[in-house]
Each structure stands twice: as structure tokens, then as C-alpha cells.
PDB file of all heavy atoms in Angstrom:
ATOM      1  N   LYS A   1       1.933  12.059 -16.293  1.00  0.00           N
ATOM      2  CA  LYS A   1       2.221  10.713 -15.786  1.00  0.00           C
ATOM      3  C   LYS A   1       3.734  10.487 -15.717  1.00  0.00           C
ATOM      4  O   LYS A   1       4.457  10.754 -16.664  1.00  0.00           O
ATOM      5  CB  LYS A   1       1.577   9.660 -16.690  1.00  0.00           C
ATOM      6  CG  LYS A   1       1.793   8.224 -16.230  1.00  0.00           C
ATOM      7  CD  LYS A   1       1.060   7.250 -17.115  1.00  0.00           C
ATOM      8  CE  LYS A   1       1.372   5.805 -16.741  1.00  0.00           C
ATOM      9  NZ  LYS A   1       1.023   5.493 -15.351  1.00  0.00           N
ATOM     10  N   GLY A   2       4.217  10.031 -14.576  1.00  0.00           N
ATOM     11  CA  GLY A   2       5.613   9.665 -14.414  1.00  0.00           C
ATOM     12  C   GLY A   2       6.557  10.807 -14.105  1.00  0.00           C
ATOM     13  O   GLY A   2       7.768  10.602 -14.043  1.00  0.00           O
ATOM     14  N   GLU A   3       6.041  12.001 -13.856  1.00  0.00           N
ATOM     15  CA  GLU A   3       6.932  13.116 -13.559  1.00  0.00           C
ATOM     16  C   GLU A   3       6.767  13.591 -12.119  1.00  0.00           C
ATOM     17  O   GLU A   3       5.750  13.342 -11.466  1.00  0.00           O
ATOM     18  CB  GLU A   3       6.720  14.284 -14.522  1.00  0.00           C
ATOM     19  CG  GLU A   3       5.505  15.127 -14.292  1.00  0.00           C
ATOM     20  CD  GLU A   3       5.391  16.273 -15.313  1.00  0.00           C
ATOM     21  OE1 GLU A   3       6.157  16.306 -16.282  1.00  0.00           O
ATOM     22  OE2 GLU A   3       4.503  17.118 -15.123  1.00  0.00           O
ATOM     23  N   VAL A   4       7.827  14.257 -11.643  1.00  0.00           N
ATOM     24  CA  VAL A   4       7.787  14.910 -10.332  1.00  0.00           C
ATOM     25  C   VAL A   4       7.644  16.406 -10.575  1.00  0.00           C
ATOM     26  O   VAL A   4       8.475  17.013 -11.252  1.00  0.00           O
ATOM     27  CB  VAL A   4       9.059  14.617  -9.515  1.00  0.00           C
ATOM     28  CG1 VAL A   4       8.956  15.270  -8.135  1.00  0.00           C
ATOM     29  CG2 VAL A   4       9.286  13.119  -9.360  1.00  0.00           C
ATOM     30  N   TYR A   5       6.592  16.970 -10.026  1.00  0.00           N
ATOM     31  CA  TYR A   5       6.276  18.384 -10.243  1.00  0.00           C
ATOM     32  C   TYR A   5       6.481  19.137  -8.936  1.00  0.00           C
ATOM     33  O   TYR A   5       5.857  18.824  -7.915  1.00  0.00           O
ATOM     34  CB  TYR A   5       4.831  18.530 -10.713  1.00  0.00           C
ATOM     35  CG  TYR A   5       4.525  19.855 -11.388  1.00  0.00           C
ATOM     36  CD1 TYR A   5       4.343  19.912 -12.766  1.00  0.00           C
ATOM     37  CD2 TYR A   5       4.423  21.033 -10.657  1.00  0.00           C
ATOM     38  CE1 TYR A   5       4.059  21.119 -13.398  1.00  0.00           C
ATOM     39  CE2 TYR A   5       4.155  22.237 -11.282  1.00  0.00           C
ATOM     40  CZ  TYR A   5       3.963  22.276 -12.652  1.00  0.00           C
ATOM     41  OH  TYR A   5       3.693  23.474 -13.267  1.00  0.00           O
ATOM     42  N   GLY A   6       7.353  20.115  -8.951  1.00  0.00           N
ATOM     43  CA  GLY A   6       7.624  20.910  -7.763  1.00  0.00           C
ATOM     44  C   GLY A   6       6.696  22.098  -7.648  1.00  0.00           C
ATOM     45  O   GLY A   6       6.484  22.830  -8.611  1.00  0.00           O
ATOM     46  N   PHE A   7       6.143  22.286  -6.461  1.00  0.00           N
ATOM     47  CA  PHE A   7       5.249  23.405  -6.177  1.00  0.00           C
ATOM     48  C   PHE A   7       5.927  24.212  -5.085  1.00  0.00           C
ATOM     49  O   PHE A   7       5.920  23.837  -3.915  1.00  0.00           O
ATOM     50  CB  PHE A   7       3.896  22.855  -5.732  1.00  0.00           C
ATOM     51  CG  PHE A   7       2.757  23.831  -5.811  1.00  0.00           C
ATOM     52  CD1 PHE A   7       2.699  24.799  -6.799  1.00  0.00           C
ATOM     53  CD2 PHE A   7       1.715  23.759  -4.899  1.00  0.00           C
ATOM     54  CE1 PHE A   7       1.639  25.693  -6.871  1.00  0.00           C
ATOM     55  CE2 PHE A   7       0.639  24.632  -4.964  1.00  0.00           C
ATOM     56  CZ  PHE A   7       0.614  25.601  -5.954  1.00  0.00           C
ATOM     57  N   LEU A   8       6.551  25.313  -5.478  1.00  0.00           N
ATOM     58  CA  LEU A   8       7.511  26.013  -4.624  1.00  0.00           C
ATOM     59  C   LEU A   8       6.966  27.346  -4.142  1.00  0.00           C
ATOM     60  O   LEU A   8       6.466  28.150  -4.930  1.00  0.00           O
ATOM     61  CB  LEU A   8       8.801  26.228  -5.416  1.00  0.00           C
ATOM     62  CG  LEU A   8      10.019  26.823  -4.708  1.00  0.00           C
ATOM     63  CD1 LEU A   8      10.470  25.941  -3.565  1.00  0.00           C
ATOM     64  CD2 LEU A   8      11.154  27.013  -5.715  1.00  0.00           C
ATOM     65  N   GLY A   9       7.096  27.577  -2.841  1.00  0.00           N
ATOM     66  CA  GLY A   9       6.675  28.850  -2.271  1.00  0.00           C
ATOM     67  C   GLY A   9       6.812  28.812  -0.767  1.00  0.00           C
ATOM     68  O   GLY A   9       6.867  27.735  -0.163  1.00  0.00           O
ATOM     69  N   PRO A  10       6.879  29.978  -0.117  1.00  0.00           N
ATOM     70  CA  PRO A  10       6.990  30.001   1.348  1.00  0.00           C
ATOM     71  C   PRO A  10       5.663  29.631   2.001  1.00  0.00           C
ATOM     72  O   PRO A  10       4.631  29.493   1.333  1.00  0.00           O
ATOM     73  CB  PRO A  10       7.356  31.462   1.629  1.00  0.00           C
ATOM     74  CG  PRO A  10       6.726  32.223   0.519  1.00  0.00           C
ATOM     75  CD  PRO A  10       6.826  31.331  -0.692  1.00  0.00           C
ATOM     76  N   ASN A  11       5.692  29.466   3.308  1.00  0.00           N
ATOM     77  CA  ASN A  11       4.457  29.196   4.042  1.00  0.00           C
ATOM     78  C   ASN A  11       3.471  30.344   3.831  1.00  0.00           C
ATOM     79  O   ASN A  11       3.848  31.511   3.883  1.00  0.00           O
ATOM     80  CB  ASN A  11       4.760  29.037   5.538  1.00  0.00           C
ATOM     81  CG  ASN A  11       5.597  27.804   5.822  1.00  0.00           C
ATOM     82  OD1 ASN A  11       5.541  26.826   5.094  1.00  0.00           O
ATOM     83  ND2 ASN A  11       6.380  27.854   6.889  1.00  0.00           N
ATOM     84  N   GLY A  12       2.220  29.995   3.578  1.00  0.00           N
ATOM     85  CA  GLY A  12       1.182  30.997   3.384  1.00  0.00           C
ATOM     86  C   GLY A  12       1.004  31.465   1.957  1.00  0.00           C
ATOM     87  O   GLY A  12       0.145  32.300   1.674  1.00  0.00           O
ATOM     88  N   ALA A  13       1.777  30.905   1.029  1.00  0.00           N
ATOM     89  CA  ALA A  13       1.697  31.350  -0.364  1.00  0.00           C
ATOM     90  C   ALA A  13       0.510  30.757  -1.116  1.00  0.00           C
ATOM     91  O   ALA A  13       0.099  31.290  -2.146  1.00  0.00           O
ATOM     92  CB  ALA A  13       2.987  31.000  -1.106  1.00  0.00           C
ATOM     93  N   GLY A  14      -0.051  29.645  -0.616  1.00  0.00           N
ATOM     94  CA  GLY A  14      -1.195  29.016  -1.276  1.00  0.00           C
ATOM     95  C   GLY A  14      -0.968  27.566  -1.655  1.00  0.00           C
ATOM     96  O   GLY A  14      -1.837  26.945  -2.280  1.00  0.00           O
ATOM     97  N   LYS A  15       0.178  26.998  -1.282  1.00  0.00           N
ATOM     98  CA  LYS A  15       0.482  25.616  -1.654  1.00  0.00           C
ATOM     99  C   LYS A  15      -0.515  24.631  -1.031  1.00  0.00           C
ATOM    100  O   LYS A  15      -1.094  23.797  -1.720  1.00  0.00           O
ATOM    101  CB  LYS A  15       1.909  25.237  -1.233  1.00  0.00           C
ATOM    102  CG  LYS A  15       3.007  26.124  -1.794  1.00  0.00           C
ATOM    103  CD  LYS A  15       4.391  25.579  -1.530  1.00  0.00           C
ATOM    104  CE  LYS A  15       4.701  25.302  -0.081  1.00  0.00           C
ATOM    105  NZ  LYS A  15       4.653  26.536   0.757  1.00  0.00           N
ATOM    106  N   THR A  16      -0.699  24.739   0.277  1.00  0.00           N
ATOM    107  CA  THR A  16      -1.571  23.786   0.971  1.00  0.00           C
ATOM    108  C   THR A  16      -3.024  23.944   0.548  1.00  0.00           C
ATOM    109  O   THR A  16      -3.753  22.957   0.400  1.00  0.00           O
ATOM    110  CB  THR A  16      -1.427  23.948   2.497  1.00  0.00           C
ATOM    111  OG1 THR A  16      -0.082  23.621   2.871  1.00  0.00           O
ATOM    112  CG2 THR A  16      -2.383  23.026   3.241  1.00  0.00           C
ATOM    113  N   THR A  17      -3.468  25.173   0.320  1.00  0.00           N
ATOM    114  CA  THR A  17      -4.838  25.391  -0.155  1.00  0.00           C
ATOM    115  C   THR A  17      -5.062  24.689  -1.491  1.00  0.00           C
ATOM    116  O   THR A  17      -6.090  24.022  -1.700  1.00  0.00           O
ATOM    117  CB  THR A  17      -5.127  26.893  -0.301  1.00  0.00           C
ATOM    118  OG1 THR A  17      -5.011  27.523   0.983  1.00  0.00           O
ATOM    119  CG2 THR A  17      -6.523  27.138  -0.852  1.00  0.00           C
ATOM    120  N   THR A  18      -4.103  24.809  -2.395  1.00  0.00           N
ATOM    121  CA  THR A  18      -4.206  24.126  -3.690  1.00  0.00           C
ATOM    122  C   THR A  18      -4.263  22.616  -3.492  1.00  0.00           C
ATOM    123  O   THR A  18      -5.096  21.923  -4.106  1.00  0.00           O
ATOM    124  CB  THR A  18      -3.001  24.489  -4.580  1.00  0.00           C
ATOM    125  OG1 THR A  18      -2.945  25.910  -4.745  1.00  0.00           O
ATOM    126  CG2 THR A  18      -3.105  23.825  -5.941  1.00  0.00           C
ATOM    127  N   ILE A  19      -3.406  22.098  -2.642  1.00  0.00           N
ATOM    128  CA  ILE A  19      -3.352  20.654  -2.400  1.00  0.00           C
ATOM    129  C   ILE A  19      -4.644  20.144  -1.780  1.00  0.00           C
ATOM    130  O   ILE A  19      -5.134  19.059  -2.137  1.00  0.00           O
ATOM    131  CB  ILE A  19      -2.130  20.313  -1.526  1.00  0.00           C
ATOM    132  CG1 ILE A  19      -0.869  20.342  -2.388  1.00  0.00           C
ATOM    133  CG2 ILE A  19      -2.280  18.957  -0.843  1.00  0.00           C
ATOM    134  CD1 ILE A  19       0.413  20.128  -1.634  1.00  0.00           C
ATOM    135  N   ARG A  20      -5.224  20.896  -0.878  1.00  0.00           N
ATOM    136  CA  ARG A  20      -6.491  20.476  -0.263  1.00  0.00           C
ATOM    137  C   ARG A  20      -7.602  20.340  -1.304  1.00  0.00           C
ATOM    138  O   ARG A  20      -8.483  19.491  -1.182  1.00  0.00           O
ATOM    139  CB  ARG A  20      -6.901  21.458   0.840  1.00  0.00           C
ATOM    140  CG  ARG A  20      -6.030  21.356   2.090  1.00  0.00           C
ATOM    141  CD  ARG A  20      -6.517  22.296   3.187  1.00  0.00           C
ATOM    142  NE  ARG A  20      -7.904  22.007   3.574  1.00  0.00           N
ATOM    143  CZ  ARG A  20      -8.253  21.025   4.390  1.00  0.00           C
ATOM    144  NH1 ARG A  20      -7.341  20.239   4.922  1.00  0.00           N
ATOM    145  NH2 ARG A  20      -9.526  20.839   4.688  1.00  0.00           N
ATOM    146  N   HIS A  21      -7.546  21.167  -2.338  1.00  0.00           N
ATOM    147  CA  HIS A  21      -8.525  21.040  -3.418  1.00  0.00           C
ATOM    148  C   HIS A  21      -8.226  19.823  -4.297  1.00  0.00           C
ATOM    149  O   HIS A  21      -9.152  19.121  -4.733  1.00  0.00           O
ATOM    150  CB  HIS A  21      -8.556  22.322  -4.259  1.00  0.00           C
ATOM    151  CG  HIS A  21      -9.283  23.448  -3.608  1.00  0.00           C
ATOM    152  ND1 HIS A  21      -8.701  24.253  -2.657  1.00  0.00           N
ATOM    153  CD2 HIS A  21     -10.560  23.898  -3.754  1.00  0.00           C
ATOM    154  CE1 HIS A  21      -9.594  25.154  -2.244  1.00  0.00           C
ATOM    155  NE2 HIS A  21     -10.723  24.965  -2.894  1.00  0.00           N
ATOM    156  N   ILE A  22      -6.946  19.574  -4.563  1.00  0.00           N
ATOM    157  CA  ILE A  22      -6.573  18.386  -5.339  1.00  0.00           C
ATOM    158  C   ILE A  22      -7.024  17.120  -4.616  1.00  0.00           C
ATOM    159  O   ILE A  22      -7.509  16.162  -5.240  1.00  0.00           O
ATOM    160  CB  ILE A  22      -5.051  18.347  -5.578  1.00  0.00           C
ATOM    161  CG1 ILE A  22      -4.631  19.481  -6.514  1.00  0.00           C
ATOM    162  CG2 ILE A  22      -4.612  16.996  -6.159  1.00  0.00           C
ATOM    163  CD1 ILE A  22      -3.129  19.673  -6.631  1.00  0.00           C
ATOM    164  N   MET A  23      -6.889  17.119  -3.302  1.00  0.00           N
ATOM    165  CA  MET A  23      -7.280  15.952  -2.507  1.00  0.00           C
ATOM    166  C   MET A  23      -8.796  15.818  -2.373  1.00  0.00           C
ATOM    167  O   MET A  23      -9.285  14.782  -1.916  1.00  0.00           O
ATOM    168  CB  MET A  23      -6.658  16.051  -1.113  1.00  0.00           C
ATOM    169  CG  MET A  23      -5.139  15.962  -1.099  1.00  0.00           C
ATOM    170  SD  MET A  23      -4.519  14.409  -1.800  1.00  0.00           S
ATOM    171  CE  MET A  23      -5.294  13.208  -0.715  1.00  0.00           C
ATOM    172  N   GLY A  24      -9.545  16.851  -2.722  1.00  0.00           N
ATOM    173  CA  GLY A  24     -10.998  16.801  -2.588  1.00  0.00           C
ATOM    174  C   GLY A  24     -11.494  17.203  -1.223  1.00  0.00           C
ATOM    175  O   GLY A  24     -12.657  16.973  -0.880  1.00  0.00           O
ATOM    176  N   PHE A  25     -10.645  17.828  -0.411  1.00  0.00           N
ATOM    177  CA  PHE A  25     -11.031  18.248   0.938  1.00  0.00           C
ATOM    178  C   PHE A  25     -11.812  19.557   0.923  1.00  0.00           C
ATOM    179  O   PHE A  25     -12.484  19.884   1.907  1.00  0.00           O
ATOM    180  CB  PHE A  25      -9.796  18.440   1.817  1.00  0.00           C
ATOM    181  CG  PHE A  25      -8.955  17.208   2.005  1.00  0.00           C
ATOM    182  CD1 PHE A  25      -7.622  17.330   2.361  1.00  0.00           C
ATOM    183  CD2 PHE A  25      -9.488  15.939   1.842  1.00  0.00           C
ATOM    184  CE1 PHE A  25      -6.827  16.201   2.546  1.00  0.00           C
ATOM    185  CE2 PHE A  25      -8.714  14.804   2.017  1.00  0.00           C
ATOM    186  CZ  PHE A  25      -7.373  14.937   2.367  1.00  0.00           C
ATOM    187  N   SER A  26     -11.692  20.315  -0.147  1.00  0.00           N
ATOM    188  CA  SER A  26     -12.306  21.633  -0.207  1.00  0.00           C
ATOM    189  C   SER A  26     -12.916  21.848  -1.580  1.00  0.00           C
ATOM    190  O   SER A  26     -12.380  21.364  -2.591  1.00  0.00           O
ATOM    191  CB  SER A  26     -11.248  22.711   0.088  1.00  0.00           C
ATOM    192  OG  SER A  26     -11.834  23.993   0.143  1.00  0.00           O
ATOM    193  N   ARG A  27     -14.010  22.552  -1.622  1.00  0.00           N
ATOM    194  CA  ARG A  27     -14.719  22.812  -2.876  1.00  0.00           C
ATOM    195  C   ARG A  27     -14.294  24.168  -3.445  1.00  0.00           C
ATOM    196  O   ARG A  27     -14.338  25.183  -2.746  1.00  0.00           O
ATOM    197  CB  ARG A  27     -16.228  22.810  -2.654  1.00  0.00           C
ATOM    198  CG  ARG A  27     -17.039  22.897  -3.936  1.00  0.00           C
ATOM    199  CD  ARG A  27     -18.515  22.715  -3.628  1.00  0.00           C
ATOM    200  NE  ARG A  27     -19.307  22.577  -4.834  1.00  0.00           N
ATOM    201  CZ  ARG A  27     -20.587  22.219  -4.858  1.00  0.00           C
ATOM    202  NH1 ARG A  27     -21.204  21.973  -3.700  1.00  0.00           N
ATOM    203  NH2 ARG A  27     -21.236  22.112  -5.990  1.00  0.00           N
ATOM    204  N   PRO A  28     -13.875  24.206  -4.698  1.00  0.00           N
ATOM    205  CA  PRO A  28     -13.422  25.487  -5.269  1.00  0.00           C
ATOM    206  C   PRO A  28     -14.576  26.457  -5.498  1.00  0.00           C
ATOM    207  O   PRO A  28     -15.712  26.038  -5.754  1.00  0.00           O
ATOM    208  CB  PRO A  28     -12.783  25.077  -6.597  1.00  0.00           C
ATOM    209  CG  PRO A  28     -13.420  23.772  -6.948  1.00  0.00           C
ATOM    210  CD  PRO A  28     -13.741  23.091  -5.653  1.00  0.00           C
ATOM    211  N   GLN A  29     -14.273  27.750  -5.414  1.00  0.00           N
ATOM    212  CA  GLN A  29     -15.259  28.764  -5.785  1.00  0.00           C
ATOM    213  C   GLN A  29     -15.350  28.888  -7.290  1.00  0.00           C
ATOM    214  O   GLN A  29     -16.404  29.204  -7.835  1.00  0.00           O
ATOM    215  CB  GLN A  29     -14.870  30.109  -5.157  1.00  0.00           C
ATOM    216  CG  GLN A  29     -15.065  30.158  -3.647  1.00  0.00           C
ATOM    217  CD  GLN A  29     -14.556  31.448  -3.054  1.00  0.00           C
ATOM    218  OE1 GLN A  29     -13.603  32.031  -3.559  1.00  0.00           O
ATOM    219  NE2 GLN A  29     -15.168  31.893  -1.974  1.00  0.00           N
ATOM    220  N   ALA A  30     -14.214  28.684  -7.951  1.00  0.00           N
ATOM    221  CA  ALA A  30     -14.175  28.701  -9.418  1.00  0.00           C
ATOM    222  C   ALA A  30     -13.067  27.759  -9.864  1.00  0.00           C
ATOM    223  O   ALA A  30     -12.133  27.476  -9.126  1.00  0.00           O
ATOM    224  CB  ALA A  30     -13.904  30.118  -9.935  1.00  0.00           C
ATOM    225  N   GLY A  31     -13.187  27.283 -11.115  1.00  0.00           N
ATOM    226  CA  GLY A  31     -12.209  26.339 -11.623  1.00  0.00           C
ATOM    227  C   GLY A  31     -12.448  24.937 -11.079  1.00  0.00           C
ATOM    228  O   GLY A  31     -13.476  24.660 -10.435  1.00  0.00           O
ATOM    229  N   ARG A  32     -11.475  24.063 -11.312  1.00  0.00           N
ATOM    230  CA  ARG A  32     -11.625  22.686 -10.846  1.00  0.00           C
ATOM    231  C   ARG A  32     -10.263  22.010 -10.740  1.00  0.00           C
ATOM    232  O   ARG A  32      -9.278  22.479 -11.304  1.00  0.00           O
ATOM    233  CB  ARG A  32     -12.516  21.888 -11.794  1.00  0.00           C
ATOM    234  CG  ARG A  32     -11.978  21.767 -13.218  1.00  0.00           C
ATOM    235  CD  ARG A  32     -12.872  20.924 -14.082  1.00  0.00           C
ATOM    236  NE  ARG A  32     -12.294  20.706 -15.415  1.00  0.00           N
ATOM    237  CZ  ARG A  32     -12.739  19.819 -16.288  1.00  0.00           C
ATOM    238  NH1 ARG A  32     -13.787  19.068 -15.975  1.00  0.00           N
ATOM    239  NH2 ARG A  32     -12.160  19.678 -17.466  1.00  0.00           N
ATOM    240  N   THR A  33     -10.235  20.900  -9.995  1.00  0.00           N
ATOM    241  CA  THR A  33      -9.058  20.035  -9.935  1.00  0.00           C
ATOM    242  C   THR A  33      -9.494  18.615 -10.267  1.00  0.00           C
ATOM    243  O   THR A  33     -10.593  18.180  -9.876  1.00  0.00           O
ATOM    244  CB  THR A  33      -8.404  20.064  -8.542  1.00  0.00           C
ATOM    245  OG1 THR A  33      -9.351  19.629  -7.562  1.00  0.00           O
ATOM    246  CG2 THR A  33      -7.924  21.468  -8.195  1.00  0.00           C
ATOM    247  N   LEU A  34      -8.619  17.893 -10.985  1.00  0.00           N
ATOM    248  CA  LEU A  34      -8.931  16.533 -11.385  1.00  0.00           C
ATOM    249  C   LEU A  34      -7.730  15.631 -11.117  1.00  0.00           C
ATOM    250  O   LEU A  34      -6.583  16.059 -11.254  1.00  0.00           O
ATOM    251  CB  LEU A  34      -9.291  16.437 -12.872  1.00  0.00           C
ATOM    252  CG  LEU A  34     -10.481  17.263 -13.364  1.00  0.00           C
ATOM    253  CD1 LEU A  34      -9.995  18.582 -13.950  1.00  0.00           C
ATOM    254  CD2 LEU A  34     -11.279  16.492 -14.406  1.00  0.00           C
ATOM    255  N   VAL A  35      -8.011  14.377 -10.759  1.00  0.00           N
ATOM    256  CA  VAL A  35      -6.984  13.347 -10.619  1.00  0.00           C
ATOM    257  C   VAL A  35      -7.414  12.173 -11.476  1.00  0.00           C
ATOM    258  O   VAL A  35      -8.518  11.633 -11.315  1.00  0.00           O
ATOM    259  CB  VAL A  35      -6.814  12.909  -9.151  1.00  0.00           C
ATOM    260  CG1 VAL A  35      -5.778  11.791  -9.055  1.00  0.00           C
ATOM    261  CG2 VAL A  35      -6.412  14.093  -8.279  1.00  0.00           C
ATOM    262  N   ASN A  36      -6.548  11.814 -12.418  1.00  0.00           N
ATOM    263  CA  ASN A  36      -6.877  10.758 -13.399  1.00  0.00           C
ATOM    264  C   ASN A  36      -8.211  11.028 -14.106  1.00  0.00           C
ATOM    265  O   ASN A  36      -9.010  10.113 -14.340  1.00  0.00           O
ATOM    266  CB  ASN A  36      -6.904   9.383 -12.725  1.00  0.00           C
ATOM    267  CG  ASN A  36      -5.511   8.893 -12.374  1.00  0.00           C
ATOM    268  OD1 ASN A  36      -4.574   9.045 -13.149  1.00  0.00           O
ATOM    269  ND2 ASN A  36      -5.371   8.302 -11.193  1.00  0.00           N
ATOM    270  N   GLY A  37      -8.438  12.304 -14.420  1.00  0.00           N
ATOM    271  CA  GLY A  37      -9.631  12.685 -15.168  1.00  0.00           C
ATOM    272  C   GLY A  37     -10.890  12.815 -14.340  1.00  0.00           C
ATOM    273  O   GLY A  37     -11.947  13.177 -14.865  1.00  0.00           O
ATOM    274  N   LEU A  38     -10.817  12.551 -13.045  1.00  0.00           N
ATOM    275  CA  LEU A  38     -11.987  12.613 -12.176  1.00  0.00           C
ATOM    276  C   LEU A  38     -11.943  13.870 -11.314  1.00  0.00           C
ATOM    277  O   LEU A  38     -10.891  14.229 -10.760  1.00  0.00           O
ATOM    278  CB  LEU A  38     -12.051  11.388 -11.264  1.00  0.00           C
ATOM    279  CG  LEU A  38     -12.157  10.025 -11.952  1.00  0.00           C
ATOM    280  CD1 LEU A  38     -12.079   8.910 -10.914  1.00  0.00           C
ATOM    281  CD2 LEU A  38     -13.445   9.922 -12.754  1.00  0.00           C
ATOM    282  N   SER A  39     -13.079  14.523 -11.165  1.00  0.00           N
ATOM    283  CA  SER A  39     -13.174  15.704 -10.318  1.00  0.00           C
ATOM    284  C   SER A  39     -12.832  15.341  -8.878  1.00  0.00           C
ATOM    285  O   SER A  39     -13.402  14.404  -8.301  1.00  0.00           O
ATOM    286  CB  SER A  39     -14.589  16.279 -10.379  1.00  0.00           C
ATOM    287  OG  SER A  39     -14.794  17.213  -9.339  1.00  0.00           O
TER     288      SER A  39
END
């Protein structure tokens, strides 16, 4: 809470794929992402 977290890498490294899971646009094959404790 209250911090800025940098996710650094070139295009194609996996940044957008990770973000799409955080946003709930894509379902993970394994693991999970949560925002404010919610899947």
C-alpha cells in the first residue's frame, strides 16, 4: 500500500501478460493474482 513498484523489461518479456492476469483479463494456468485480497 502506498508504494510505486516498477516492472522493468523489454517488449515481449512478459510484463503485459502479468498485468492482464492482475486485471482479471486472463486465467492463470498455475498460481494466482490478487488485488486487495481478492482473486
